[in-house]
Amino acid sequence: MSDVNVVWHEHTVSHQERVTLKKQQPVVLWFTGLSGSGKSTIANAVERLLLDNGKHSYLLDGDNVRHGLNKDLGFSDSERVENIRRIGEVSKLFVDAGNIVLTAFISPFRTDRSQVRDILGEDQFIEVFVDTPLEVCESRDPKGLYKKARAGEIKHFTGIDSAYEAPLSPELHVKTDGITVEQCAKLVLDYLDAKGYLR
């Protein structure tokens, strides 16, 4: 619902001035994949590489955001949709500030990821599919969530009783089998460099 009394205020400092100051092209790296696929681990490694290269970035992690901004949301399909919509809007603000944004969310539905792409614009959204087989994710199970889901203690768990819709044409398809976290992170950084986001 929109309010006619709420208007968008233009800043005296422009987006382009922020971009020029930071000497980089702001963009969102949207890491998507199953729980335990390595999204957060790889995103953290990419952010470290960005920092080491003097770049300005911020990582929005699924669990961290649910401690504050989205602590009122559960895990039903409709709440997952709202979770991702809010993250898209927050990411847009970070991009406006001139930052490279990394997000690590399961974001299981294609329509939700497409909505975030629409919020940001085609040139400021890079979908990174962290492709790790379900059996590998389940064998890692760092939080014991798959075990609980298999036992019926957790409902609507992605990959078990809730669908994960893999990206059809992501900008980056990172197959994690047989390569290290560092190699995965370098693939992402090399892509950013090749596309001119780091200049």
N, C-alpha and C. Protein backbone atom coordinates (compact mmCIF):
# COMPACT_ATOMS: atom_id res chain seq x y z
N MET A 1 0.84 -1.18 0.00
CA MET A 1 0.00 0.00 0.00
C MET A 1 0.89 1.24 0.00
N SER A 2 0.63 2.17 -0.90
CA SER A 2 1.42 3.39 -0.94
C SER A 2 0.66 4.52 -0.27
N ASP A 3 1.39 5.47 0.25
CA ASP A 3 0.81 6.62 0.93
C ASP A 3 1.16 7.86 0.12
N VAL A 4 0.14 8.62 -0.28
CA VAL A 4 0.40 9.80 -1.11
C VAL A 4 1.22 10.84 -0.37
N ASN A 5 1.27 10.73 0.96
CA ASN A 5 2.03 11.70 1.75
C ASN A 5 3.50 11.31 1.91
N VAL A 6 3.86 10.15 1.39
CA VAL A 6 5.25 9.68 1.46
C VAL A 6 5.89 9.93 0.11
N VAL A 7 6.92 10.75 0.09
CA VAL A 7 7.58 11.08 -1.18
C VAL A 7 9.07 10.71 -1.10
N TRP A 8 9.65 10.42 -2.26
CA TRP A 8 11.07 10.09 -2.32
C TRP A 8 11.88 11.38 -2.33
N HIS A 9 12.84 11.49 -1.42
CA HIS A 9 13.68 12.68 -1.34
C HIS A 9 15.01 12.44 -2.03
N GLU A 10 15.37 13.32 -2.93
CA GLU A 10 16.66 13.24 -3.59
C GLU A 10 17.74 13.76 -2.65
N HIS A 11 18.91 13.11 -2.65
CA HIS A 11 20.02 13.52 -1.80
C HIS A 11 20.88 14.56 -2.49
N THR A 12 21.54 15.39 -1.71
CA THR A 12 22.47 16.36 -2.31
C THR A 12 23.75 15.67 -2.78
N VAL A 13 24.08 14.54 -2.14
CA VAL A 13 25.20 13.71 -2.61
C VAL A 13 24.60 12.66 -3.55
N SER A 14 25.08 12.62 -4.77
CA SER A 14 24.49 11.72 -5.77
C SER A 14 25.08 10.31 -5.71
N HIS A 15 24.35 9.41 -6.31
CA HIS A 15 24.82 8.02 -6.44
C HIS A 15 26.16 8.00 -7.19
N GLN A 16 26.25 8.77 -8.27
CA GLN A 16 27.47 8.77 -9.07
C GLN A 16 28.66 9.30 -8.28
N GLU A 17 28.44 10.27 -7.41
CA GLU A 17 29.52 10.79 -6.58
C GLU A 17 30.03 9.71 -5.62
N ARG A 18 29.13 8.92 -5.09
CA ARG A 18 29.53 7.83 -4.18
C ARG A 18 30.32 6.77 -4.95
N VAL A 19 29.85 6.46 -6.16
CA VAL A 19 30.54 5.47 -7.01
C VAL A 19 31.95 5.95 -7.34
N THR A 20 32.07 7.22 -7.71
CA THR A 20 33.37 7.79 -8.06
C THR A 20 34.32 7.75 -6.87
N LEU A 21 33.82 8.08 -5.70
CA LEU A 21 34.63 8.08 -4.49
C LEU A 21 35.16 6.67 -4.19
N LYS A 22 34.32 5.66 -4.38
CA LYS A 22 34.70 4.28 -4.03
C LYS A 22 35.47 3.57 -5.14
N LYS A 23 35.47 4.16 -6.33
CA LYS A 23 36.23 3.59 -7.46
C LYS A 23 35.84 2.14 -7.76
N GLN A 24 34.55 1.90 -7.83
CA GLN A 24 34.03 0.57 -8.15
C GLN A 24 32.61 0.72 -8.66
N GLN A 25 32.11 -0.33 -9.30
CA GLN A 25 30.72 -0.33 -9.77
C GLN A 25 29.88 -1.14 -8.77
N PRO A 26 28.92 -0.50 -8.10
CA PRO A 26 28.12 -1.21 -7.11
C PRO A 26 27.23 -2.27 -7.75
N VAL A 27 27.08 -3.37 -7.05
CA VAL A 27 26.31 -4.49 -7.58
C VAL A 27 25.94 -5.41 -6.42
N VAL A 28 24.93 -6.24 -6.63
CA VAL A 28 24.56 -7.26 -5.64
C VAL A 28 24.96 -8.63 -6.17
N LEU A 29 25.75 -9.34 -5.38
CA LEU A 29 26.06 -10.74 -5.65
C LEU A 29 25.06 -11.57 -4.84
N TRP A 30 24.11 -12.18 -5.53
CA TRP A 30 23.03 -12.89 -4.85
C TRP A 30 23.36 -14.38 -4.83
N PHE A 31 23.93 -14.84 -3.71
CA PHE A 31 24.28 -16.25 -3.55
C PHE A 31 23.04 -17.04 -3.17
N THR A 32 22.69 -18.03 -3.96
CA THR A 32 21.53 -18.86 -3.68
C THR A 32 21.93 -20.33 -3.76
N GLY A 33 21.29 -21.14 -2.94
CA GLY A 33 21.59 -22.58 -2.90
C GLY A 33 20.96 -23.18 -1.66
N LEU A 34 21.04 -24.47 -1.56
CA LEU A 34 20.47 -25.19 -0.43
C LEU A 34 21.17 -24.83 0.88
N SER A 35 20.50 -25.09 1.98
CA SER A 35 21.12 -24.95 3.29
C SER A 35 22.34 -25.88 3.35
N GLY A 36 23.48 -25.35 3.78
CA GLY A 36 24.69 -26.17 3.85
C GLY A 36 25.46 -26.25 2.55
N SER A 37 25.02 -25.50 1.53
CA SER A 37 25.71 -25.57 0.22
C SER A 37 27.03 -24.83 0.22
N GLY A 38 27.20 -23.91 1.18
CA GLY A 38 28.44 -23.14 1.24
C GLY A 38 28.27 -21.67 0.86
N LYS A 39 27.02 -21.22 0.75
CA LYS A 39 26.75 -19.83 0.36
C LYS A 39 27.47 -18.83 1.25
N SER A 40 27.24 -18.93 2.56
CA SER A 40 27.83 -17.96 3.50
C SER A 40 29.35 -18.07 3.52
N THR A 41 29.85 -19.28 3.49
CA THR A 41 31.30 -19.51 3.53
C THR A 41 31.98 -18.88 2.32
N ILE A 42 31.40 -19.11 1.13
CA ILE A 42 31.97 -18.55 -0.10
C ILE A 42 31.81 -17.03 -0.11
N ALA A 43 30.64 -16.54 0.29
CA ALA A 43 30.41 -15.09 0.32
C ALA A 43 31.40 -14.41 1.25
N ASN A 44 31.66 -15.01 2.40
CA ASN A 44 32.65 -14.47 3.33
C ASN A 44 34.03 -14.43 2.70
N ALA A 45 34.40 -15.48 1.98
CA ALA A 45 35.71 -15.53 1.32
C ALA A 45 35.81 -14.48 0.22
N VAL A 46 34.70 -14.26 -0.51
CA VAL A 46 34.69 -13.22 -1.55
C VAL A 46 34.84 -11.84 -0.91
N GLU A 47 34.13 -11.62 0.19
CA GLU A 47 34.22 -10.30 0.84
C GLU A 47 35.64 -10.05 1.33
N ARG A 48 36.32 -11.07 1.83
CA ARG A 48 37.72 -10.91 2.27
C ARG A 48 38.60 -10.52 1.08
N LEU A 49 38.38 -11.16 -0.07
CA LEU A 49 39.16 -10.81 -1.26
C LEU A 49 38.88 -9.38 -1.70
N LEU A 50 37.63 -8.97 -1.63
CA LEU A 50 37.26 -7.60 -2.00
C LEU A 50 37.96 -6.60 -1.08
N LEU A 51 37.93 -6.86 0.23
CA LEU A 51 38.59 -5.98 1.18
C LEU A 51 40.09 -5.91 0.92
N ASP A 52 40.68 -7.07 0.67
CA ASP A 52 42.12 -7.12 0.39
C ASP A 52 42.48 -6.33 -0.87
N ASN A 53 41.49 -6.15 -1.76
CA ASN A 53 41.70 -5.39 -2.99
C ASN A 53 41.20 -3.95 -2.86
N GLY A 54 40.93 -3.53 -1.62
CA GLY A 54 40.54 -2.14 -1.37
C GLY A 54 39.13 -1.78 -1.79
N LYS A 55 38.25 -2.77 -1.88
CA LYS A 55 36.88 -2.52 -2.31
C LYS A 55 35.92 -2.42 -1.12
N HIS A 56 34.84 -1.67 -1.33
CA HIS A 56 33.84 -1.43 -0.29
C HIS A 56 32.68 -2.40 -0.49
N SER A 57 32.43 -3.22 0.53
CA SER A 57 31.38 -4.23 0.40
C SER A 57 30.66 -4.42 1.72
N TYR A 58 29.53 -5.13 1.65
CA TYR A 58 28.83 -5.54 2.86
C TYR A 58 28.11 -6.84 2.60
N LEU A 59 28.22 -7.76 3.55
CA LEU A 59 27.59 -9.08 3.43
C LEU A 59 26.32 -9.14 4.28
N LEU A 60 25.21 -9.42 3.62
CA LEU A 60 23.93 -9.66 4.29
C LEU A 60 23.72 -11.17 4.36
N ASP A 61 23.75 -11.70 5.58
CA ASP A 61 23.63 -13.14 5.79
C ASP A 61 22.23 -13.48 6.27
N GLY A 62 21.69 -14.59 5.80
CA GLY A 62 20.32 -15.00 6.12
C GLY A 62 20.02 -15.05 7.61
N ASP A 63 20.87 -15.72 8.37
CA ASP A 63 20.63 -15.85 9.81
C ASP A 63 20.75 -14.50 10.51
N ASN A 64 21.76 -13.72 10.14
CA ASN A 64 21.97 -12.43 10.80
C ASN A 64 20.79 -11.49 10.60
N VAL A 65 20.25 -11.47 9.38
CA VAL A 65 19.12 -10.58 9.09
C VAL A 65 17.88 -11.00 9.88
N ARG A 66 17.74 -12.29 10.12
CA ARG A 66 16.57 -12.77 10.87
C ARG A 66 16.70 -12.48 12.38
N HIS A 67 17.86 -12.05 12.82
CA HIS A 67 18.01 -11.62 14.22
C HIS A 67 17.44 -10.22 14.44
N GLY A 68 17.33 -9.43 13.37
CA GLY A 68 16.89 -8.05 13.53
C GLY A 68 15.78 -7.68 12.58
N LEU A 69 16.17 -7.23 11.38
CA LEU A 69 15.23 -6.72 10.39
C LEU A 69 14.04 -7.66 10.16
N ASN A 70 14.31 -8.94 10.05
CA ASN A 70 13.26 -9.90 9.70
C ASN A 70 12.94 -10.88 10.82
N LYS A 71 13.14 -10.47 12.06
CA LYS A 71 12.89 -11.39 13.17
C LYS A 71 11.41 -11.69 13.36
N ASP A 72 10.54 -10.90 12.72
CA ASP A 72 9.11 -11.14 12.82
C ASP A 72 8.61 -12.17 11.82
N LEU A 73 9.51 -12.69 10.97
CA LEU A 73 9.10 -13.62 9.91
C LEU A 73 9.46 -15.05 10.25
N GLY A 74 8.56 -15.96 9.88
CA GLY A 74 8.82 -17.38 10.02
C GLY A 74 9.31 -17.96 8.70
N PHE A 75 8.95 -19.22 8.42
CA PHE A 75 9.48 -19.89 7.23
C PHE A 75 8.39 -20.46 6.33
N SER A 76 7.17 -19.96 6.46
CA SER A 76 6.13 -20.36 5.50
C SER A 76 6.50 -19.76 4.15
N ASP A 77 5.85 -20.25 3.10
CA ASP A 77 6.18 -19.73 1.76
C ASP A 77 5.98 -18.22 1.68
N SER A 78 4.87 -17.73 2.23
CA SER A 78 4.60 -16.28 2.14
C SER A 78 5.61 -15.48 2.94
N GLU A 79 6.05 -16.01 4.08
CA GLU A 79 7.05 -15.30 4.89
C GLU A 79 8.42 -15.34 4.23
N ARG A 80 8.73 -16.41 3.53
CA ARG A 80 9.98 -16.48 2.77
C ARG A 80 9.99 -15.42 1.66
N VAL A 81 8.84 -15.25 1.01
CA VAL A 81 8.72 -14.25 -0.05
C VAL A 81 8.98 -12.85 0.52
N GLU A 82 8.37 -12.55 1.66
CA GLU A 82 8.56 -11.23 2.28
C GLU A 82 9.99 -11.04 2.76
N ASN A 83 10.59 -12.10 3.28
CA ASN A 83 12.00 -12.05 3.71
C ASN A 83 12.89 -11.59 2.55
N ILE A 84 12.70 -12.21 1.40
CA ILE A 84 13.53 -11.89 0.24
C ILE A 84 13.21 -10.50 -0.31
N ARG A 85 11.94 -10.11 -0.30
CA ARG A 85 11.58 -8.77 -0.77
C ARG A 85 12.28 -7.70 0.06
N ARG A 86 12.26 -7.86 1.39
CA ARG A 86 12.92 -6.88 2.26
C ARG A 86 14.42 -6.81 1.98
N ILE A 87 15.03 -7.98 1.79
CA ILE A 87 16.47 -8.01 1.52
C ILE A 87 16.77 -7.31 0.20
N GLY A 88 15.90 -7.48 -0.78
CA GLY A 88 16.07 -6.79 -2.04
C GLY A 88 16.06 -5.28 -1.87
N GLU A 89 15.14 -4.79 -1.05
CA GLU A 89 15.05 -3.34 -0.82
C GLU A 89 16.26 -2.82 -0.04
N VAL A 90 16.71 -3.58 0.95
CA VAL A 90 17.90 -3.17 1.71
C VAL A 90 19.14 -3.20 0.80
N SER A 91 19.22 -4.21 -0.04
CA SER A 91 20.35 -4.30 -0.98
C SER A 91 20.38 -3.10 -1.90
N LYS A 92 19.21 -2.65 -2.33
CA LYS A 92 19.13 -1.48 -3.22
C LYS A 92 19.71 -0.24 -2.54
N LEU A 93 19.45 -0.08 -1.24
CA LEU A 93 20.00 1.06 -0.51
C LEU A 93 21.52 0.98 -0.42
N PHE A 94 22.04 -0.21 -0.16
CA PHE A 94 23.49 -0.40 -0.10
C PHE A 94 24.14 -0.11 -1.46
N VAL A 95 23.48 -0.54 -2.53
CA VAL A 95 23.99 -0.28 -3.88
C VAL A 95 23.97 1.22 -4.17
N ASP A 96 22.91 1.90 -3.74
CA ASP A 96 22.84 3.35 -3.92
C ASP A 96 24.00 4.04 -3.21
N ALA A 97 24.45 3.44 -2.09
CA ALA A 97 25.59 4.00 -1.35
C ALA A 97 26.92 3.70 -2.03
N GLY A 98 26.89 2.91 -3.11
CA GLY A 98 28.10 2.64 -3.88
C GLY A 98 28.81 1.35 -3.52
N ASN A 99 28.16 0.49 -2.74
CA ASN A 99 28.81 -0.73 -2.26
C ASN A 99 28.59 -1.94 -3.16
N ILE A 100 29.49 -2.88 -3.03
CA ILE A 100 29.29 -4.22 -3.59
C ILE A 100 28.64 -5.03 -2.47
N VAL A 101 27.44 -5.52 -2.72
CA VAL A 101 26.66 -6.22 -1.70
C VAL A 101 26.70 -7.71 -1.97
N LEU A 102 26.93 -8.48 -0.92
CA LEU A 102 26.89 -9.93 -1.02
C LEU A 102 25.71 -10.41 -0.17
N THR A 103 24.86 -11.24 -0.71
CA THR A 103 23.76 -11.78 0.07
C THR A 103 23.84 -13.30 0.06
N ALA A 104 23.62 -13.90 1.21
CA ALA A 104 23.66 -15.36 1.31
C ALA A 104 22.33 -15.84 1.89
N PHE A 105 21.40 -16.14 0.98
CA PHE A 105 20.06 -16.59 1.36
C PHE A 105 19.69 -17.79 0.51
N ILE A 106 19.01 -18.75 1.09
CA ILE A 106 18.55 -19.89 0.29
C ILE A 106 17.72 -19.37 -0.87
N SER A 107 16.82 -18.42 -0.59
CA SER A 107 15.92 -17.82 -1.59
C SER A 107 15.46 -18.88 -2.61
N PRO A 108 14.60 -19.80 -2.16
CA PRO A 108 14.32 -20.99 -2.96
C PRO A 108 13.46 -20.78 -4.21
N PHE A 109 12.76 -19.64 -4.30
CA PHE A 109 11.81 -19.48 -5.39
C PHE A 109 12.33 -18.55 -6.49
N ARG A 110 12.23 -19.00 -7.73
CA ARG A 110 12.71 -18.20 -8.87
C ARG A 110 12.00 -16.85 -8.96
N THR A 111 10.70 -16.84 -8.69
CA THR A 111 9.95 -15.58 -8.80
C THR A 111 10.47 -14.53 -7.82
N ASP A 112 10.88 -14.97 -6.63
CA ASP A 112 11.41 -14.03 -5.63
C ASP A 112 12.75 -13.46 -6.09
N ARG A 113 13.62 -14.32 -6.61
CA ARG A 113 14.91 -13.83 -7.09
C ARG A 113 14.73 -12.91 -8.29
N SER A 114 13.75 -13.22 -9.12
CA SER A 114 13.43 -12.36 -10.26
C SER A 114 12.91 -11.01 -9.79
N GLN A 115 12.12 -11.01 -8.72
CA GLN A 115 11.60 -9.76 -8.17
C GLN A 115 12.74 -8.87 -7.67
N VAL A 116 13.73 -9.48 -7.03
CA VAL A 116 14.88 -8.71 -6.55
C VAL A 116 15.66 -8.15 -7.74
N ARG A 117 15.81 -8.95 -8.79
CA ARG A 117 16.48 -8.47 -10.00
C ARG A 117 15.74 -7.24 -10.55
N ASP A 118 14.42 -7.28 -10.52
CA ASP A 118 13.62 -6.14 -11.00
C ASP A 118 13.81 -4.91 -10.11
N ILE A 119 13.90 -5.13 -8.79
CA ILE A 119 14.09 -4.02 -7.84
C ILE A 119 15.42 -3.32 -8.12
N LEU A 120 16.45 -4.11 -8.40
CA LEU A 120 17.81 -3.57 -8.54
C LEU A 120 18.13 -3.12 -9.96
N GLY A 121 17.59 -3.81 -10.92
CA GLY A 121 17.95 -3.55 -12.32
C GLY A 121 18.94 -4.60 -12.80
N GLU A 122 18.86 -4.91 -14.07
CA GLU A 122 19.64 -6.01 -14.66
C GLU A 122 21.14 -5.88 -14.44
N ASP A 123 21.67 -4.65 -14.49
CA ASP A 123 23.12 -4.47 -14.42
C ASP A 123 23.64 -4.42 -12.98
N GLN A 124 22.75 -4.51 -12.00
CA GLN A 124 23.19 -4.44 -10.60
C GLN A 124 22.80 -5.70 -9.82
N PHE A 125 22.54 -6.78 -10.53
CA PHE A 125 22.16 -8.05 -9.88
C PHE A 125 22.90 -9.19 -10.56
N ILE A 126 23.70 -9.90 -9.78
CA ILE A 126 24.42 -11.06 -10.28
C ILE A 126 23.98 -12.27 -9.46
N GLU A 127 23.31 -13.19 -10.12
CA GLU A 127 22.85 -14.39 -9.43
C GLU A 127 23.98 -15.42 -9.42
N VAL A 128 24.35 -15.85 -8.22
CA VAL A 128 25.43 -16.83 -8.06
C VAL A 128 24.81 -18.11 -7.49
N PHE A 129 24.70 -19.13 -8.32
CA PHE A 129 24.12 -20.40 -7.90
C PHE A 129 25.22 -21.27 -7.29
N VAL A 130 25.16 -21.45 -5.98
CA VAL A 130 26.11 -22.32 -5.29
C VAL A 130 25.52 -23.73 -5.34
N ASP A 131 26.00 -24.48 -6.30
CA ASP A 131 25.42 -25.77 -6.66
C ASP A 131 26.15 -26.90 -5.92
N THR A 132 25.53 -27.35 -4.85
CA THR A 132 26.07 -28.44 -4.05
C THR A 132 24.99 -29.51 -3.92
N PRO A 133 25.29 -30.76 -4.25
CA PRO A 133 24.27 -31.81 -4.19
C PRO A 133 23.63 -31.91 -2.79
N LEU A 134 22.34 -32.23 -2.78
CA LEU A 134 21.60 -32.34 -1.52
C LEU A 134 22.29 -33.29 -0.55
N GLU A 135 22.80 -34.40 -1.04
CA GLU A 135 23.42 -35.39 -0.13
C GLU A 135 24.67 -34.82 0.54
N VAL A 136 25.38 -33.94 -0.18
CA VAL A 136 26.56 -33.30 0.40
C VAL A 136 26.13 -32.29 1.46
N CYS A 137 25.12 -31.48 1.14
CA CYS A 137 24.59 -30.51 2.11
C CYS A 137 24.11 -31.22 3.36
N GLU A 138 23.43 -32.33 3.15
CA GLU A 138 22.86 -33.08 4.27
C GLU A 138 23.96 -33.73 5.11
N SER A 139 25.04 -34.14 4.47
CA SER A 139 26.15 -34.76 5.22
C SER A 139 26.88 -33.73 6.07
N ARG A 140 26.89 -32.47 5.61
CA ARG A 140 27.51 -31.39 6.39
C ARG A 140 26.62 -31.04 7.57
N ASP A 141 25.39 -30.68 7.26
CA ASP A 141 24.35 -30.34 8.25
C ASP A 141 24.90 -29.61 9.47
N PRO A 142 25.55 -28.43 9.28
CA PRO A 142 26.24 -27.77 10.39
C PRO A 142 25.34 -27.40 11.57
N LYS A 143 24.05 -27.18 11.29
CA LYS A 143 23.13 -26.79 12.38
C LYS A 143 22.21 -27.94 12.79
N GLY A 144 22.38 -29.10 12.18
CA GLY A 144 21.52 -30.24 12.50
C GLY A 144 20.10 -30.08 11.98
N LEU A 145 19.92 -29.20 10.98
CA LEU A 145 18.57 -28.90 10.49
C LEU A 145 18.01 -30.01 9.61
N TYR A 146 18.86 -30.61 8.77
CA TYR A 146 18.37 -31.69 7.91
C TYR A 146 17.89 -32.87 8.77
N LYS A 147 18.64 -33.17 9.80
CA LYS A 147 18.27 -34.28 10.69
C LYS A 147 16.91 -34.01 11.32
N LYS A 148 16.70 -32.75 11.77
CA LYS A 148 15.41 -32.39 12.36
C LYS A 148 14.29 -32.43 11.33
N ALA A 149 14.59 -31.97 10.11
CA ALA A 149 13.59 -31.97 9.05
C ALA A 149 13.19 -33.40 8.69
N ARG A 150 14.18 -34.28 8.59
CA ARG A 150 13.90 -35.69 8.27
C ARG A 150 13.07 -36.35 9.37
N ALA A 151 13.26 -35.87 10.61
CA ALA A 151 12.51 -36.42 11.75
C ALA A 151 11.14 -35.77 11.90
N GLY A 152 10.84 -34.80 11.04
CA GLY A 152 9.54 -34.13 11.09
C GLY A 152 9.47 -33.03 12.14
N GLU A 153 10.62 -32.68 12.73
CA GLU A 153 10.62 -31.64 13.77
C GLU A 153 10.61 -30.23 13.18
N ILE A 154 11.03 -30.10 11.93
CA ILE A 154 11.01 -28.81 11.24
C ILE A 154 10.16 -28.98 9.97
N LYS A 155 9.17 -28.11 9.82
CA LYS A 155 8.33 -28.14 8.62
C LYS A 155 8.80 -27.07 7.64
N HIS A 156 8.42 -27.23 6.37
CA HIS A 156 8.76 -26.27 5.31
C HIS A 156 10.27 -26.12 5.15
N PHE A 157 11.02 -27.22 5.24
CA PHE A 157 12.47 -27.13 5.13
C PHE A 157 12.88 -27.36 3.68
N THR A 158 13.59 -26.40 3.11
CA THR A 158 13.96 -26.44 1.70
C THR A 158 14.81 -27.67 1.39
N GLY A 159 14.39 -28.37 0.35
CA GLY A 159 15.11 -29.57 -0.08
C GLY A 159 14.53 -30.84 0.48
N ILE A 160 13.72 -30.71 1.55
CA ILE A 160 13.11 -31.89 2.16
C ILE A 160 11.60 -31.89 1.91
N ASP A 161 10.87 -30.94 2.51
CA ASP A 161 9.43 -30.88 2.25
C ASP A 161 8.99 -29.52 1.71
N SER A 162 9.97 -28.74 1.26
CA SER A 162 9.68 -27.48 0.57
C SER A 162 10.64 -27.39 -0.62
N ALA A 163 10.12 -26.91 -1.73
CA ALA A 163 10.89 -26.96 -2.99
C ALA A 163 12.04 -25.96 -3.02
N TYR A 164 13.11 -26.34 -3.72
CA TYR A 164 14.15 -25.39 -4.10
C TYR A 164 14.17 -25.34 -5.62
N GLU A 165 13.92 -24.15 -6.18
CA GLU A 165 13.90 -23.98 -7.62
C GLU A 165 15.26 -23.43 -8.06
N ALA A 166 16.07 -24.31 -8.61
CA ALA A 166 17.42 -23.91 -9.02
C ALA A 166 17.35 -22.87 -10.13
N PRO A 167 18.29 -21.92 -10.15
CA PRO A 167 18.32 -20.92 -11.22
C PRO A 167 18.45 -21.59 -12.59
N LEU A 168 17.75 -21.02 -13.57
CA LEU A 168 17.80 -21.56 -14.93
C LEU A 168 18.98 -21.00 -15.72
N SER A 169 19.30 -19.73 -15.47
CA SER A 169 20.43 -19.12 -16.20
C SER A 169 21.12 -18.09 -15.31
N PRO A 170 21.78 -18.57 -14.25
CA PRO A 170 22.48 -17.64 -13.36
C PRO A 170 23.69 -17.03 -14.05
N GLU A 171 24.09 -15.85 -13.62
CA GLU A 171 25.30 -15.25 -14.17
C GLU A 171 26.52 -16.09 -13.82
N LEU A 172 26.50 -16.68 -12.64
CA LEU A 172 27.61 -17.54 -12.19
C LEU A 172 27.04 -18.85 -11.63
N HIS A 173 27.52 -19.96 -12.15
CA HIS A 173 27.11 -21.28 -11.67
C HIS A 173 28.33 -21.93 -11.04
N VAL A 174 28.38 -21.92 -9.70
CA VAL A 174 29.55 -22.43 -8.99
C VAL A 174 29.26 -23.85 -8.51
N LYS A 175 29.87 -24.82 -9.18
CA LYS A 175 29.72 -26.22 -8.78
C LYS A 175 30.81 -26.51 -7.76
N THR A 176 30.41 -26.73 -6.52
CA THR A 176 31.39 -26.79 -5.43
C THR A 176 32.09 -28.14 -5.31
N ASP A 177 31.54 -29.17 -5.94
CA ASP A 177 32.16 -30.49 -5.83
C ASP A 177 33.59 -30.48 -6.37
N GLY A 178 34.54 -30.84 -5.51
CA GLY A 178 35.92 -31.01 -5.95
C GLY A 178 36.74 -29.74 -6.02
N ILE A 179 36.18 -28.59 -5.61
CA ILE A 179 37.00 -27.38 -5.58
C ILE A 179 36.90 -26.73 -4.20
N THR A 180 37.91 -25.98 -3.85
CA THR A 180 37.99 -25.39 -2.51
C THR A 180 37.15 -24.11 -2.43
N VAL A 181 36.92 -23.67 -1.21
CA VAL A 181 36.23 -22.40 -0.97
C VAL A 181 37.01 -21.27 -1.64
N GLU A 182 38.32 -21.29 -1.52
CA GLU A 182 39.17 -20.25 -2.09
C GLU A 182 39.03 -20.22 -3.62
N GLN A 183 38.96 -21.38 -4.24
CA GLN A 183 38.79 -21.45 -5.70
C GLN A 183 37.41 -20.91 -6.11
N CYS A 184 36.40 -21.24 -5.32
CA CYS A 184 35.04 -20.73 -5.57
C CYS A 184 35.05 -19.20 -5.49
N ALA A 185 35.67 -18.67 -4.45
CA ALA A 185 35.71 -17.22 -4.25
C ALA A 185 36.45 -16.54 -5.39
N LYS A 186 37.53 -17.15 -5.86
CA LYS A 186 38.30 -16.55 -6.96
C LYS A 186 37.49 -16.53 -8.25
N LEU A 187 36.66 -17.54 -8.47
CA LEU A 187 35.78 -17.55 -9.64
C LEU A 187 34.88 -16.31 -9.63
N VAL A 188 34.35 -16.00 -8.45
CA VAL A 188 33.45 -14.85 -8.32
C VAL A 188 34.22 -13.55 -8.54
N LEU A 189 35.38 -13.44 -7.91
CA LEU A 189 36.18 -12.21 -8.06
C LEU A 189 36.62 -12.02 -9.51
N ASP A 190 37.03 -13.09 -10.16
CA ASP A 190 37.45 -13.01 -11.56
C ASP A 190 36.30 -12.53 -12.44
N TYR A 191 35.09 -13.00 -12.14
CA TYR A 191 33.90 -12.57 -12.91
C TYR A 191 33.68 -11.07 -12.73
N LEU A 192 33.74 -10.59 -11.49
CA LEU A 192 33.55 -9.16 -11.22
C LEU A 192 34.60 -8.33 -11.95
N ASP A 193 35.83 -8.80 -11.93
CA ASP A 193 36.91 -8.07 -12.58
C ASP A 193 36.70 -8.04 -14.10
N ALA A 194 36.33 -9.20 -14.66
CA ALA A 194 36.14 -9.29 -16.10
C ALA A 194 34.99 -8.41 -16.59
N LYS A 195 33.99 -8.23 -15.76
CA LYS A 195 32.81 -7.42 -16.12
C LYS A 195 32.97 -5.95 -15.76
N GLY A 196 34.11 -5.58 -15.18
CA GLY A 196 34.38 -4.18 -14.91
C GLY A 196 33.83 -3.63 -13.62
N TYR A 197 33.33 -4.47 -12.73
CA TYR A 197 32.74 -3.98 -11.47
C TYR A 197 33.80 -3.49 -10.49
N LEU A 198 35.03 -3.92 -10.64
CA LEU A 198 36.07 -3.55 -9.70
C LEU A 198 36.84 -2.31 -10.16
N ARG A 199 36.39 -1.67 -11.24
CA ARG A 199 37.09 -0.50 -11.77
C ARG A 199 36.15 0.69 -11.79
